[in-house]
Amino acid sequence: MESIPRRQDVENSLAARDLPKAFGSSAALLASDPGNAEYQALHATVLMAGGRWQAAADILAGVAAAPTARYGVKAKLAICRAALGDHRGAADMLAAALAERPDEFLARLSFAESLEAAGDPEQVGELALALDGAADAVRARARARADGAEGTAWPLRR
């Protein structure tokens, strides 16, 4: 009896750019527990790596519809939708992802790009102001890490 691959096996194959092995391992892992949202998302990631955007989007749409869907699933579905030319769908999914993690700068930037591609320039202008604020926050966190303040409670940093 052949053993079921582990998540780490799939991730290692992806890292090595061995897409056939990653696909086979992720398909076998998913077949072992078809309802497992993490296995579904992992298999979709392999499909994305192979440029199979629609197949990945089909899987991720089901996973993202669950109330417990994680940020990464929503972000990956947005990437798939953008790759398929569905910029409004990408913007909608990025909005859902940003509701969970509003300070994710790259998600905000992708959101603005999706809105622009979807033809919503008014909302892009409003978002540009928010992006500038997010950029300031990212720079402040980077300075704090460089100063060794990361992990230190704010009142104790001074």
C-alpha atoms as a PDB file:
ATOM      1  CA  MET A   1       0.000   0.000   0.000  1.00  0.00           C
ATOM      2  CA  GLU A   2       1.370   3.388  -1.010  1.00  0.00           C
ATOM      3  CA  SER A   3       1.511   6.007   1.733  1.00  0.00           C
ATOM      4  CA  ILE A   4      -0.407   9.248   1.481  1.00  0.00           C
ATOM      5  CA  PRO A   5       1.868  12.219   0.788  1.00  0.00           C
ATOM      6  CA  ARG A   6       2.250  14.843   3.462  1.00  0.00           C
ATOM      7  CA  ARG A   7       1.583  18.549   3.026  1.00  0.00           C
ATOM      8  CA  GLN A   8       5.330  19.101   3.374  1.00  0.00           C
ATOM      9  CA  ASP A   9       5.968  16.769   0.439  1.00  0.00           C
ATOM     10  CA  VAL A  10       3.752  18.907  -1.787  1.00  0.00           C
ATOM     11  CA  GLU A  11       5.351  22.123  -0.564  1.00  0.00           C
ATOM     12  CA  ASN A  12       8.845  20.727  -1.139  1.00  0.00           C
ATOM     13  CA  SER A  13       7.919  19.724  -4.694  1.00  0.00           C
ATOM     14  CA  LEU A  14       6.538  23.208  -5.332  1.00  0.00           C
ATOM     15  CA  ALA A  15       9.696  24.797  -3.954  1.00  0.00           C
ATOM     16  CA  ALA A  16      11.793  22.589  -6.240  1.00  0.00           C
ATOM     17  CA  ARG A  17       9.530  23.569  -9.188  1.00  0.00           C
ATOM     18  CA  ASP A  18       8.699  19.902  -9.714  1.00  0.00           C
ATOM     19  CA  LEU A  19       5.119  20.583 -10.765  1.00  0.00           C
ATOM     20  CA  PRO A  20       4.265  17.049 -11.946  1.00  0.00           C
ATOM     21  CA  LYS A  21       5.303  15.625  -8.577  1.00  0.00           C
ATOM     22  CA  ALA A  22       3.551  18.450  -6.683  1.00  0.00           C
ATOM     23  CA  PHE A  23       0.375  17.861  -8.693  1.00  0.00           C
ATOM     24  CA  GLY A  24       0.433  14.104  -8.102  1.00  0.00           C
ATOM     25  CA  SER A  25       1.142  14.496  -4.401  1.00  0.00           C
ATOM     26  CA  SER A  26      -1.490  17.187  -3.869  1.00  0.00           C
ATOM     27  CA  ALA A  27      -4.094  15.188  -5.816  1.00  0.00           C
ATOM     28  CA  ALA A  28      -3.362  12.104  -3.700  1.00  0.00           C
ATOM     29  CA  LEU A  29      -3.497  14.119  -0.493  1.00  0.00           C
ATOM     30  CA  LEU A  30      -6.818  15.663  -1.527  1.00  0.00           C
ATOM     31  CA  ALA A  31      -8.212  12.244  -2.504  1.00  0.00           C
ATOM     32  CA  SER A  32      -7.421  11.025   1.019  1.00  0.00           C
ATOM     33  CA  ASP A  33      -9.768  13.662   2.486  1.00  0.00           C
ATOM     34  CA  PRO A  34     -11.742  15.479  -0.249  1.00  0.00           C
ATOM     35  CA  GLY A  35     -13.573  17.750   2.184  1.00  0.00           C
ATOM     36  CA  ASN A  36     -10.404  19.093   3.808  1.00  0.00           C
ATOM     37  CA  ALA A  37     -10.261  22.828   3.022  1.00  0.00           C
ATOM     38  CA  GLU A  38      -6.500  22.989   3.600  1.00  0.00           C
ATOM     39  CA  TYR A  39      -5.880  20.170   1.121  1.00  0.00           C
ATOM     40  CA  GLN A  40      -8.211  21.844  -1.377  1.00  0.00           C
ATOM     41  CA  ALA A  41      -6.344  25.150  -1.036  1.00  0.00           C
ATOM     42  CA  LEU A  42      -2.982  23.386  -1.372  1.00  0.00           C
ATOM     43  CA  HIS A  43      -4.104  21.588  -4.525  1.00  0.00           C
ATOM     44  CA  ALA A  44      -5.372  24.898  -5.920  1.00  0.00           C
ATOM     45  CA  THR A  45      -1.959  26.423  -5.207  1.00  0.00           C
ATOM     46  CA  VAL A  46      -0.324  23.691  -7.300  1.00  0.00           C
ATOM     47  CA  LEU A  47      -2.816  24.328 -10.096  1.00  0.00           C
ATOM     48  CA  MET A  48      -1.996  28.048  -9.932  1.00  0.00           C
ATOM     49  CA  ALA A  49       1.720  27.278 -10.177  1.00  0.00           C
ATOM     50  CA  GLY A  50       0.951  25.368 -13.361  1.00  0.00           C
ATOM     51  CA  GLY A  51      -1.118  28.208 -14.801  1.00  0.00           C
ATOM     52  CA  ARG A  52      -4.410  26.333 -14.459  1.00  0.00           C
ATOM     53  CA  TRP A  53      -6.262  29.393 -13.194  1.00  0.00           C
ATOM     54  CA  GLN A  54      -9.829  28.279 -13.841  1.00  0.00           C
ATOM     55  CA  ALA A  55      -9.385  24.899 -12.162  1.00  0.00           C
ATOM     56  CA  ALA A  56      -7.787  26.603  -9.155  1.00  0.00           C
ATOM     57  CA  ALA A  57     -10.539  29.245  -9.028  1.00  0.00           C
ATOM     58  CA  ASP A  58     -13.217  26.554  -9.115  1.00  0.00           C
ATOM     59  CA  ILE A  59     -11.712  24.850  -6.076  1.00  0.00           C
ATOM     60  CA  LEU A  60     -10.978  28.069  -4.184  1.00  0.00           C
ATOM     61  CA  ALA A  61     -14.468  29.480  -4.760  1.00  0.00           C
ATOM     62  CA  GLY A  62     -15.926  26.653  -2.695  1.00  0.00           C
ATOM     63  CA  VAL A  63     -13.338  27.035   0.049  1.00  0.00           C
ATOM     64  CA  ALA A  64     -13.661  30.840   0.139  1.00  0.00           C
ATOM     65  CA  ALA A  65     -17.447  30.616   0.501  1.00  0.00           C
ATOM     66  CA  ALA A  66     -17.106  29.041   3.950  1.00  0.00           C
ATOM     67  CA  PRO A  67     -17.439  31.434   6.889  1.00  0.00           C
ATOM     68  CA  THR A  68     -14.143  30.066   8.228  1.00  0.00           C
ATOM     69  CA  ALA A  69     -12.222  30.817   5.002  1.00  0.00           C
ATOM     70  CA  ARG A  70      -8.752  32.149   5.701  1.00  0.00           C
ATOM     71  CA  TYR A  71      -7.105  35.250   4.286  1.00  0.00           C
ATOM     72  CA  GLY A  72      -4.756  33.234   2.059  1.00  0.00           C
ATOM     73  CA  VAL A  73      -7.627  31.433   0.347  1.00  0.00           C
ATOM     74  CA  LYS A  74      -9.358  34.723  -0.426  1.00  0.00           C
ATOM     75  CA  ALA A  75      -6.151  36.279  -1.720  1.00  0.00           C
ATOM     76  CA  LYS A  76      -5.407  33.270  -3.948  1.00  0.00           C
ATOM     77  CA  LEU A  77      -8.921  33.330  -5.367  1.00  0.00           C
ATOM     78  CA  ALA A  78      -8.489  37.033  -6.129  1.00  0.00           C
ATOM     79  CA  ILE A  79      -5.243  36.256  -7.980  1.00  0.00           C
ATOM     80  CA  CYS A  80      -7.021  33.576 -10.022  1.00  0.00           C
ATOM     81  CA  ARG A  81      -9.883  35.889 -10.892  1.00  0.00           C
ATOM     82  CA  ALA A  82      -7.480  38.635 -11.979  1.00  0.00           C
ATOM     83  CA  ALA A  83      -5.522  36.156 -14.107  1.00  0.00           C
ATOM     84  CA  LEU A  84      -8.801  35.133 -15.750  1.00  0.00           C
ATOM     85  CA  GLY A  85      -9.687  38.769 -16.477  1.00  0.00           C
ATOM     86  CA  ASP A  86     -12.450  39.003 -13.860  1.00  0.00           C
ATOM     87  CA  HIS A  87     -11.178  42.187 -12.226  1.00  0.00           C
ATOM     88  CA  ARG A  88     -14.473  42.999 -10.486  1.00  0.00           C
ATOM     89  CA  GLY A  89     -14.481  39.503  -8.957  1.00  0.00           C
ATOM     90  CA  ALA A  90     -10.842  39.951  -7.940  1.00  0.00           C
ATOM     91  CA  ALA A  91     -11.661  43.295  -6.301  1.00  0.00           C
ATOM     92  CA  ASP A  92     -14.599  41.769  -4.435  1.00  0.00           C
ATOM     93  CA  MET A  93     -12.467  38.926  -3.106  1.00  0.00           C
ATOM     94  CA  LEU A  94      -9.641  41.307  -2.147  1.00  0.00           C
ATOM     95  CA  ALA A  95     -12.175  43.423  -0.261  1.00  0.00           C
ATOM     96  CA  ALA A  96     -13.171  40.301   1.688  1.00  0.00           C
ATOM     97  CA  ALA A  97      -9.496  39.505   2.360  1.00  0.00           C
ATOM     98  CA  LEU A  98      -8.803  43.079   3.479  1.00  0.00           C
ATOM     99  CA  ALA A  99     -11.733  42.917   5.892  1.00  0.00           C
ATOM    100  CA  GLU A 100      -9.700  40.255   7.692  1.00  0.00           C
ATOM    101  CA  ARG A 101      -6.279  41.935   7.338  1.00  0.00           C
ATOM    102  CA  PRO A 102      -6.747  45.628   6.559  1.00  0.00           C
ATOM    103  CA  ASP A 103      -3.043  46.471   6.871  1.00  0.00           C
ATOM    104  CA  GLU A 104      -1.842  44.111   4.123  1.00  0.00           C
ATOM    105  CA  PHE A 105      -0.163  46.602   1.802  1.00  0.00           C
ATOM    106  CA  LEU A 106       0.175  44.295  -1.209  1.00  0.00           C
ATOM    107  CA  ALA A 107      -3.481  43.281  -0.946  1.00  0.00           C
ATOM    108  CA  ARG A 108      -4.462  46.962  -0.856  1.00  0.00           C
ATOM    109  CA  LEU A 109      -2.305  47.648  -3.890  1.00  0.00           C
ATOM    110  CA  SER A 110      -3.791  44.665  -5.743  1.00  0.00           C
ATOM    111  CA  PHE A 111      -7.256  45.877  -4.739  1.00  0.00           C
ATOM    112  CA  ALA A 112      -6.541  49.283  -6.278  1.00  0.00           C
ATOM    113  CA  GLU A 113      -5.202  47.686  -9.452  1.00  0.00           C
ATOM    114  CA  SER A 114      -8.274  45.452  -9.719  1.00  0.00           C
ATOM    115  CA  LEU A 115     -10.610  48.399  -9.227  1.00  0.00           C
ATOM    116  CA  GLU A 116      -8.770  50.355 -11.890  1.00  0.00           C
ATOM    117  CA  ALA A 117      -8.876  47.418 -14.316  1.00  0.00           C
ATOM    118  CA  ALA A 118     -12.596  47.007 -13.586  1.00  0.00           C
ATOM    119  CA  GLY A 119     -13.141  50.676 -14.482  1.00  0.00           C
ATOM    120  CA  ASP A 120     -13.866  52.114 -11.037  1.00  0.00           C
ATOM    121  CA  PRO A 121     -11.503  55.161 -10.911  1.00  0.00           C
ATOM    122  CA  GLU A 122     -13.405  57.004  -8.168  1.00  0.00           C
ATOM    123  CA  GLN A 123     -12.854  54.215  -5.678  1.00  0.00           C
ATOM    124  CA  VAL A 124      -9.196  53.934  -6.777  1.00  0.00           C
ATOM    125  CA  GLY A 125      -8.590  57.558  -5.777  1.00  0.00           C
ATOM    126  CA  GLU A 126     -10.027  56.958  -2.317  1.00  0.00           C
ATOM    127  CA  LEU A 127      -7.946  53.828  -1.943  1.00  0.00           C
ATOM    128  CA  ALA A 128      -4.772  55.665  -2.997  1.00  0.00           C
ATOM    129  CA  LEU A 129      -5.080  57.793   0.122  1.00  0.00           C
ATOM    130  CA  ALA A 130      -5.474  54.678   2.254  1.00  0.00           C
ATOM    131  CA  LEU A 131      -2.484  53.066   0.531  1.00  0.00           C
ATOM    132  CA  ASP A 132      -0.311  56.035   1.413  1.00  0.00           C
ATOM    133  CA  GLY A 133      -1.284  55.601   5.055  1.00  0.00           C
ATOM    134  CA  ALA A 134      -0.591  51.865   4.850  1.00  0.00           C
ATOM    135  CA  ALA A 135       2.836  52.569   3.349  1.00  0.00           C
ATOM    136  CA  ASP A 136       3.611  54.856   6.283  1.00  0.00           C
ATOM    137  CA  ALA A 137       2.611  52.106   8.715  1.00  0.00           C
ATOM    138  CA  VAL A 138       4.815  49.543   6.921  1.00  0.00           C
ATOM    139  CA  ARG A 139       7.797  51.925   7.024  1.00  0.00           C
ATOM    140  CA  ALA A 140       7.202  52.588  10.739  1.00  0.00           C
ATOM    141  CA  ARG A 141       7.145  48.832  11.480  1.00  0.00           C
ATOM    142  CA  ALA A 142      10.361  48.370   9.477  1.00  0.00           C
ATOM    143  CA  ARG A 143      12.060  51.155  11.464  1.00  0.00           C
ATOM    144  CA  ALA A 144      10.857  49.583  14.713  1.00  0.00           C
ATOM    145  CA  ARG A 145      12.340  46.206  13.708  1.00  0.00           C
ATOM    146  CA  ALA A 146      15.604  47.867  12.713  1.00  0.00           C
ATOM    147  CA  ASP A 147      15.719  49.581  16.097  1.00  0.00           C
ATOM    148  CA  GLY A 148      15.164  46.254  17.864  1.00  0.00           C
ATOM    149  CA  ALA A 149      11.792  47.350  19.184  1.00  0.00           C
ATOM    150  CA  GLU A 150       9.808  44.530  17.553  1.00  0.00           C
ATOM    151  CA  GLY A 151       8.077  42.509  20.225  1.00  0.00           C
ATOM    152  CA  THR A 152       8.589  45.163  22.876  1.00  0.00           C
ATOM    153  CA  ALA A 153       5.457  46.723  24.306  1.00  0.00           C
ATOM    154  CA  TRP A 154       5.036  50.281  23.000  1.00  0.00           C
ATOM    155  CA  PRO A 155       5.421  52.059  26.387  1.00  0.00           C
ATOM    156  CA  LEU A 156       8.667  50.197  27.022  1.00  0.00           C
ATOM    157  CA  ARG A 157      10.256  51.256  23.724  1.00  0.00           C
ATOM    158  CA  ARG A 158      11.048  54.771  24.921  1.00  0.00           C
END
